[in-house]
Amino acid sequence: MAENDDGEERSQEPTQKKLDDARKRGDVPKSLEVNNWFLLSAGAIALVMFGSDAAGALTVSLKTFLANVARIPVEGATMTSLTVHLAVMVIAALALPFLFLVAAAVLGNIVQNGFIYSTESIEPKFSKISPAAGFKRLFSKQSLMNFAKGVAKLVIVGTAILWVVWPKREELGLLATLDPSKLSPYSFDLMTSMLTTAIAVLTVLAIADWLYQRQSWLERQKMSFQELKEEYKQLEGDPTIKAKIRQLRMQRSRKRMMQNVPQASVIITNPTHYAVALKYENGMNAPVCLAKGVDALALRIRAIGTEHSIPIVENPPLARALYASVDVDDEIPAEHYKAVAEVVGYVMNLRRRTSWRP
């Protein structure tokens, strides 16, 4: 089981954020065998597509040079000019095959992980030049595994090629006696058989190595419970801080409610467990809830109502129903219109009677 730097066991599957962060750092599953397969396949294709033309171009270009090699001066600027001319001929003949191989190398990386741009892997780090760190990497589990895979690959591919060549071992001994015109086709056919066999074997090895590298990468990305908690805090925020913020919001909301209670038209109670302060004026569509609360908060609402001479009506069923169905600053639901209208009507009649004195 994998462990982190603190020795804590990493047994939890990595989150998508952990995988995305690793990708941003350039830490992705990568198989060299897949790259080798693309290079070898591209080399075989380039040989078939461009080999004949490249060889023909070099033959034509070098024919005059080889025929007159004894008469070519080798002193001073002549030799420099000749070297440059030969280099240009070779580069021109091999340019297309070379570009084909470069494209295959790039494609091998893109196929595995898509386009990735990260400079972290090339940033200078002391650990990269430290002899102790280098020695540790040289004899690490991963290095030993890579060495074992390299040896196994050589044995497997070599055995496969030997299986192709062995039946023709007697013919190979007679190559020196063949007519030159027949030697080239025979060699080409033999080389094609060997390349085809090697590519077929490497196809299986590349797929197996890719699956192994991906599984190893996923194992390295596993997380401990502490890492999961830290990531959760980063994404969702510290639960302690969130609880504190929620508490402050509730305090501000209660303070605002208490400030609105003096504007209420009536307070409906249960009589002590629930309290709902409603406001209604002519022209309003329906009464609006200014404040509501239970237990201590309900008592506080009643106390403020008493202090400001707001009528308090005890109606337990209506108080509980309004508390459960209406939010602060919202109009009461239509199903409570009739019951609330009776209370509001009673309060208005009460005010008219108390305000009129003979």
Protein backbone atom coordinates (compact mmCIF):
# COMPACT_ATOMS: atom_id res chain seq x y z
CA MET A 1 0.00 0.00 0.00
CA ALA A 2 1.36 3.44 -0.95
CA GLU A 3 2.36 5.95 1.72
CA ASN A 4 2.81 9.72 1.65
CA ASP A 5 5.82 11.67 2.88
CA ASP A 6 4.53 11.53 6.47
CA GLY A 7 4.22 7.76 6.36
CA GLU A 8 0.43 7.88 6.31
CA GLU A 9 -1.22 5.15 4.30
CA ARG A 10 -2.73 6.28 0.99
CA SER A 11 -5.63 3.92 0.44
CA GLN A 12 -8.26 6.26 -1.05
CA GLU A 13 -8.92 6.60 -4.76
CA PRO A 14 -7.70 9.97 -6.14
CA THR A 15 -10.23 12.70 -6.72
CA GLN A 16 -10.66 14.35 -10.11
CA LYS A 17 -8.97 17.47 -8.73
CA LYS A 18 -5.91 15.43 -7.72
CA LEU A 19 -5.71 13.92 -11.22
CA ASP A 20 -6.17 17.33 -12.86
CA ASP A 21 -3.44 18.89 -10.68
CA ALA A 22 -1.05 16.08 -11.59
CA ARG A 23 -1.78 16.63 -15.28
CA LYS A 24 -1.07 20.37 -14.91
CA ARG A 25 2.32 19.47 -13.42
CA GLY A 26 3.04 17.21 -16.38
CA ASP A 27 2.73 14.10 -14.20
CA VAL A 28 0.84 11.73 -16.50
CA PRO A 29 1.03 8.00 -17.29
CA LYS A 30 3.54 7.57 -20.08
CA SER A 31 4.81 4.43 -21.75
CA LEU A 32 8.13 4.52 -23.60
CA GLU A 33 7.10 1.31 -25.34
CA VAL A 34 4.22 3.17 -27.02
CA ASN A 35 6.67 5.82 -28.24
CA ASN A 36 9.05 3.11 -29.47
CA TRP A 37 6.18 1.42 -31.31
CA PHE A 38 5.29 4.66 -33.10
CA LEU A 39 8.95 5.28 -34.01
CA LEU A 40 9.52 1.76 -35.30
CA SER A 41 6.25 1.76 -37.25
CA ALA A 42 7.02 5.18 -38.70
CA GLY A 43 10.55 4.00 -39.59
CA ALA A 44 9.14 1.00 -41.43
CA ILE A 45 6.60 3.15 -43.29
CA ALA A 46 9.23 5.78 -44.09
CA LEU A 47 11.51 3.06 -45.43
CA VAL A 48 8.78 1.81 -47.74
CA MET A 49 7.57 5.27 -48.80
CA PHE A 50 10.82 7.24 -48.98
CA GLY A 51 13.63 4.67 -48.83
CA SER A 52 13.86 4.07 -52.57
CA ASP A 53 13.67 7.77 -53.46
CA ALA A 54 16.19 8.76 -50.79
CA ALA A 55 18.62 6.06 -51.90
CA GLY A 56 18.17 7.08 -55.53
CA ALA A 57 18.78 10.74 -54.76
CA LEU A 58 21.93 9.95 -52.79
CA THR A 59 23.14 7.63 -55.54
CA VAL A 60 22.74 10.30 -58.22
CA SER A 61 24.28 12.98 -56.02
CA LEU A 62 27.27 10.88 -54.97
CA LYS A 63 27.90 9.23 -58.34
CA THR A 64 30.01 12.07 -59.70
CA PHE A 65 31.79 12.50 -56.40
CA LEU A 66 32.73 8.80 -56.13
CA ALA A 67 33.83 8.64 -59.74
CA ASN A 68 36.21 11.59 -59.38
CA VAL A 69 37.19 11.22 -55.73
CA ALA A 70 40.89 10.84 -56.62
CA ARG A 71 40.98 14.17 -58.48
CA ILE A 72 39.18 16.27 -55.90
CA PRO A 73 41.51 18.75 -54.12
CA VAL A 74 41.46 18.49 -50.34
CA GLU A 75 43.16 21.70 -49.32
CA GLY A 76 41.75 24.93 -47.82
CA ALA A 77 38.35 26.26 -48.78
CA THR A 78 37.74 23.52 -51.34
CA MET A 79 37.48 20.84 -48.67
CA THR A 80 35.12 23.01 -46.58
CA SER A 81 32.91 23.66 -49.59
CA LEU A 82 32.89 19.96 -50.45
CA THR A 83 31.90 18.98 -46.89
CA VAL A 84 29.05 21.48 -46.87
CA HIS A 85 27.87 20.26 -50.28
CA LEU A 86 27.85 16.63 -49.14
CA ALA A 87 26.01 17.53 -45.93
CA VAL A 88 23.35 19.41 -47.90
CA MET A 89 22.87 16.41 -50.21
CA VAL A 90 22.43 13.99 -47.29
CA ILE A 91 20.05 16.31 -45.42
CA ALA A 92 17.96 16.90 -48.56
CA ALA A 93 17.68 13.17 -49.19
CA LEU A 94 16.81 12.28 -45.57
CA ALA A 95 14.66 15.34 -44.70
CA LEU A 96 11.28 13.74 -45.39
CA PRO A 97 12.04 10.46 -43.54
CA PHE A 98 13.40 12.48 -40.60
CA LEU A 99 10.31 14.73 -40.44
CA PHE A 100 8.15 11.61 -40.62
CA LEU A 101 9.95 10.16 -37.57
CA VAL A 102 9.64 13.45 -35.65
CA ALA A 103 5.90 13.53 -36.37
CA ALA A 104 5.60 9.93 -35.14
CA ALA A 105 7.44 10.77 -31.89
CA VAL A 106 5.11 13.71 -31.23
CA LEU A 107 2.05 11.62 -32.11
CA GLY A 108 3.14 8.89 -29.70
CA ASN A 109 2.93 11.37 -26.81
CA ILE A 110 -0.32 12.98 -27.97
CA VAL A 111 -2.08 9.61 -28.33
CA GLN A 112 -1.25 8.73 -24.73
CA ASN A 113 -2.27 11.94 -22.95
CA GLY A 114 -3.36 14.56 -25.46
CA PHE A 115 -1.77 18.01 -25.58
CA ILE A 116 0.02 18.90 -22.32
CA TYR A 117 1.98 22.06 -21.64
CA SER A 118 3.93 22.15 -18.41
CA THR A 119 7.28 23.72 -17.55
CA GLU A 120 7.58 22.13 -14.11
CA SER A 121 9.45 19.10 -15.40
CA ILE A 122 12.21 21.27 -16.87
CA GLU A 123 12.52 23.70 -13.97
CA PRO A 124 15.96 23.54 -12.29
CA LYS A 125 15.89 21.56 -9.06
CA PHE A 126 18.74 20.59 -6.76
CA SER A 127 17.41 17.03 -6.52
CA LYS A 128 18.05 16.59 -10.25
CA ILE A 129 21.78 17.24 -9.88
CA SER A 130 22.24 15.78 -6.42
CA PRO A 131 24.52 12.69 -6.59
CA ALA A 132 22.68 11.08 -3.68
CA ALA A 133 19.28 11.61 -5.32
CA GLY A 134 20.67 10.37 -8.64
CA PHE A 135 22.09 7.25 -7.03
CA LYS A 136 18.76 6.63 -5.30
CA ARG A 137 16.89 6.96 -8.60
CA LEU A 138 19.41 4.70 -10.33
CA PHE A 139 18.71 1.83 -7.95
CA SER A 140 15.06 2.60 -7.27
CA LYS A 141 12.27 0.11 -7.71
CA GLN A 142 11.17 1.89 -10.88
CA SER A 143 14.67 1.77 -12.39
CA LEU A 144 15.02 -1.93 -11.66
CA MET A 145 11.61 -2.55 -13.16
CA ASN A 146 12.56 -0.61 -16.31
CA PHE A 147 15.79 -2.62 -16.58
CA ALA A 148 13.89 -5.89 -16.23
CA LYS A 149 11.36 -4.77 -18.85
CA GLY A 150 14.17 -3.79 -21.23
CA VAL A 151 15.84 -7.18 -20.92
CA ALA A 152 12.52 -8.98 -21.32
CA LYS A 153 11.70 -6.92 -24.41
CA LEU A 154 15.04 -7.74 -26.03
CA VAL A 155 14.55 -11.43 -25.32
CA ILE A 156 10.98 -11.48 -26.64
CA VAL A 157 11.62 -9.41 -29.77
CA GLY A 158 14.91 -11.22 -30.44
CA THR A 159 13.18 -14.60 -30.13
CA ALA A 160 10.42 -13.51 -32.51
CA ILE A 161 12.91 -12.27 -35.12
CA LEU A 162 14.99 -15.44 -34.73
CA TRP A 163 11.79 -17.44 -35.31
CA VAL A 164 11.42 -15.63 -38.65
CA VAL A 165 15.08 -15.86 -39.69
CA TRP A 166 15.90 -19.36 -38.49
CA PRO A 167 14.07 -21.24 -41.29
CA LYS A 168 16.12 -19.17 -43.80
CA ARG A 169 19.50 -19.75 -42.16
CA GLU A 170 20.77 -21.85 -45.08
CA GLU A 171 19.70 -19.23 -47.61
CA LEU A 172 21.53 -16.51 -45.66
CA GLY A 173 24.76 -18.46 -46.04
CA LEU A 174 24.39 -18.34 -49.84
CA LEU A 175 23.80 -14.57 -50.07
CA ALA A 176 27.40 -13.97 -51.08
CA THR A 177 26.89 -16.13 -54.18
CA LEU A 178 23.69 -14.40 -55.35
CA ASP A 179 23.61 -12.10 -58.35
CA PRO A 180 23.63 -8.43 -57.16
CA SER A 181 20.35 -7.81 -59.00
CA LYS A 182 18.64 -10.50 -56.89
CA LEU A 183 20.31 -9.59 -53.61
CA SER A 184 18.43 -6.32 -53.12
CA PRO A 185 14.86 -7.79 -53.47
CA TYR A 186 15.75 -10.72 -51.22
CA SER A 187 17.22 -8.43 -48.57
CA PHE A 188 14.19 -6.15 -48.77
CA ASP A 189 11.76 -9.05 -48.31
CA LEU A 190 13.73 -10.41 -45.36
CA MET A 191 13.96 -6.99 -43.72
CA THR A 192 10.20 -6.46 -44.23
CA SER A 193 9.43 -9.79 -42.54
CA MET A 194 11.69 -8.92 -39.61
CA LEU A 195 10.16 -5.44 -39.18
CA THR A 196 6.61 -6.78 -39.43
CA THR A 197 7.32 -9.40 -36.77
CA ALA A 198 9.02 -6.87 -34.48
CA ILE A 199 6.13 -4.40 -34.83
CA ALA A 200 3.55 -7.12 -34.12
CA VAL A 201 5.37 -8.16 -30.95
CA LEU A 202 5.92 -4.55 -29.85
CA THR A 203 2.22 -3.84 -30.34
CA VAL A 204 1.36 -6.35 -27.63
CA LEU A 205 4.19 -5.13 -25.39
CA ALA A 206 3.18 -1.46 -25.85
CA ILE A 207 -0.43 -2.11 -24.89
CA ALA A 208 0.60 -4.14 -21.85
CA ASP A 209 3.13 -1.49 -20.77
CA TRP A 210 0.60 1.33 -21.20
CA LEU A 211 -1.89 -0.47 -18.96
CA TYR A 212 0.86 -1.12 -16.41
CA GLN A 213 2.06 2.50 -16.45
CA ARG A 214 -1.47 3.84 -16.05
CA GLN A 215 -2.18 1.54 -13.12
CA SER A 216 1.12 2.50 -11.48
CA TRP A 217 0.31 6.18 -12.00
CA LEU A 218 -3.12 5.77 -10.41
CA GLU A 219 -1.49 4.01 -7.44
CA ARG A 220 0.89 6.96 -7.02
CA GLN A 221 -2.03 9.40 -7.08
CA LYS A 222 -3.93 7.66 -4.27
CA MET A 223 -4.68 9.84 -1.27
CA SER A 224 -4.76 9.49 2.50
CA PHE A 225 -7.76 10.48 4.62
CA GLN A 226 -5.90 13.62 5.71
CA GLU A 227 -5.26 14.63 2.10
CA LEU A 228 -8.95 14.14 1.31
CA LYS A 229 -9.89 16.35 4.26
CA GLU A 230 -7.44 19.06 3.20
CA GLU A 231 -8.75 19.01 -0.36
CA TYR A 232 -12.32 19.19 0.90
CA LYS A 233 -11.39 22.24 2.96
CA GLN A 234 -9.86 23.89 -0.09
CA LEU A 235 -12.88 23.18 -2.27
CA GLU A 236 -15.69 23.69 0.23
CA GLY A 237 -14.01 25.88 2.82
CA ASP A 238 -13.13 25.10 6.41
CA PRO A 239 -16.30 23.73 8.11
CA THR A 240 -15.46 25.73 11.26
CA ILE A 241 -15.25 28.97 9.32
CA LYS A 242 -18.39 28.14 7.36
CA ALA A 243 -20.26 27.48 10.61
CA LYS A 244 -19.04 30.80 12.01
CA ILE A 245 -20.16 32.65 8.88
CA ARG A 246 -23.55 30.93 9.04
CA GLN A 247 -23.87 31.92 12.70
CA LEU A 248 -23.05 35.57 11.90
CA ARG A 249 -25.60 35.60 9.10
CA MET A 250 -28.27 34.21 11.45
CA GLN A 251 -27.41 36.85 14.04
CA ARG A 252 -27.73 39.64 11.49
CA SER A 253 -31.00 38.18 10.23
CA ARG A 254 -32.41 38.00 13.77
CA LYS A 255 -31.27 41.54 14.50
CA ARG A 256 -33.02 42.78 11.37
CA MET A 257 -36.16 40.86 12.34
CA MET A 258 -36.19 42.42 15.78
CA GLN A 259 -35.84 45.86 14.20
CA ASN A 260 -38.91 45.15 12.02
CA VAL A 261 -41.14 43.88 14.83
CA PRO A 262 -42.28 47.42 15.89
CA GLN A 263 -43.75 47.85 12.38
CA ALA A 264 -45.98 44.78 12.76
CA SER A 265 -49.78 45.01 12.76
CA VAL A 266 -50.26 41.90 14.87
CA ILE A 267 -48.29 39.10 16.53
CA ILE A 268 -49.83 35.64 16.45
CA THR A 269 -48.55 33.28 19.18
CA ASN A 270 -48.82 29.69 20.45
CA PRO A 271 -48.84 31.33 23.15
CA THR A 272 -45.15 31.04 24.19
CA HIS A 273 -43.51 28.51 21.87
CA TYR A 274 -44.24 30.20 18.52
CA ALA A 275 -44.56 33.83 17.50
CA VAL A 276 -45.18 35.30 14.01
CA ALA A 277 -45.24 39.06 13.45
CA LEU A 278 -47.41 40.16 10.49
CA LYS A 279 -47.83 43.52 8.82
CA TYR A 280 -50.88 44.56 6.82
CA GLU A 281 -51.86 47.95 5.41
CA ASN A 282 -54.50 49.09 2.97
CA GLY A 283 -53.39 48.48 -0.60
CA MET A 284 -51.25 45.40 0.20
CA ASN A 285 -52.08 42.15 -1.63
CA ALA A 286 -51.67 40.08 1.52
CA PRO A 287 -50.11 40.35 4.98
CA VAL A 288 -46.29 40.07 5.08
CA CYS A 289 -44.25 38.20 7.67
CA LEU A 290 -41.83 40.59 9.38
CA ALA A 291 -40.44 38.16 11.96
CA LYS A 292 -40.93 34.66 13.34
CA GLY A 293 -39.35 32.51 15.99
CA VAL A 294 -39.70 29.71 18.52
CA ASP A 295 -39.06 29.52 22.26
CA ALA A 296 -36.58 32.25 23.33
CA LEU A 297 -36.86 34.10 20.03
CA ALA A 298 -40.66 33.93 20.24
CA LEU A 299 -40.54 35.42 23.74
CA ARG A 300 -38.29 38.20 22.47
CA ILE A 301 -40.74 39.00 19.66
CA ARG A 302 -43.61 39.10 22.21
CA ALA A 303 -41.60 41.38 24.49
CA ILE A 304 -40.86 43.86 21.70
CA GLY A 305 -44.50 43.73 20.63
CA THR A 306 -45.66 44.48 24.16
CA GLU A 307 -43.13 47.30 24.43
CA HIS A 308 -44.54 48.93 21.27
CA SER A 309 -48.22 48.19 22.07
CA ILE A 310 -48.65 45.73 19.18
CA PRO A 311 -51.70 43.47 19.53
CA ILE A 312 -50.80 39.89 20.46
CA VAL A 313 -53.32 37.24 19.45
CA GLU A 314 -53.07 33.70 20.77
CA ASN A 315 -53.95 31.20 18.03
CA PRO A 316 -51.76 28.07 18.37
CA PRO A 317 -52.81 26.25 15.14
CA LEU A 318 -52.42 29.37 13.01
CA ALA A 319 -49.11 30.33 14.64
CA ARG A 320 -47.60 26.89 13.98
CA ALA A 321 -48.95 26.82 10.41
CA LEU A 322 -47.60 30.28 9.56
CA TYR A 323 -44.21 29.53 11.12
CA ALA A 324 -43.85 26.40 8.96
CA SER A 325 -45.15 27.85 5.68
CA VAL A 326 -43.96 31.45 5.35
CA ASP A 327 -40.48 32.97 5.29
CA VAL A 328 -39.50 36.37 6.61
CA ASP A 329 -40.33 39.24 4.18
CA ASP A 330 -42.70 36.97 2.21
CA GLU A 331 -46.47 37.23 1.87
CA ILE A 332 -48.48 34.58 3.68
CA PRO A 333 -49.74 31.63 1.56
CA ALA A 334 -53.23 31.85 0.08
CA GLU A 335 -54.52 28.96 2.22
CA HIS A 336 -54.10 31.11 5.33
CA TYR A 337 -55.84 34.22 3.98
CA LYS A 338 -59.18 33.53 5.68
CA ALA A 339 -57.74 32.74 9.13
CA VAL A 340 -55.37 35.72 9.04
CA ALA A 341 -58.11 38.02 7.72
CA GLU A 342 -60.23 37.18 10.76
CA VAL A 343 -57.32 38.03 13.07
CA VAL A 344 -56.49 41.26 11.23
CA GLY A 345 -60.15 42.24 11.17
CA TYR A 346 -60.39 41.61 14.90
CA VAL A 347 -57.29 43.75 15.54
CA MET A 348 -58.58 46.61 13.38
CA ASN A 349 -61.97 46.59 15.12
CA LEU A 350 -60.18 46.55 18.46
CA ARG A 351 -58.13 49.57 17.50
CA ARG A 352 -61.18 51.46 16.28
CA ARG A 353 -63.05 50.74 19.54
CA THR A 354 -60.12 51.78 21.70
CA SER A 355 -59.40 54.90 19.66
CA TRP A 356 -63.09 56.09 19.73
CA ARG A 357 -64.17 57.46 23.04
CA PRO A 358 -67.61 59.14 23.62
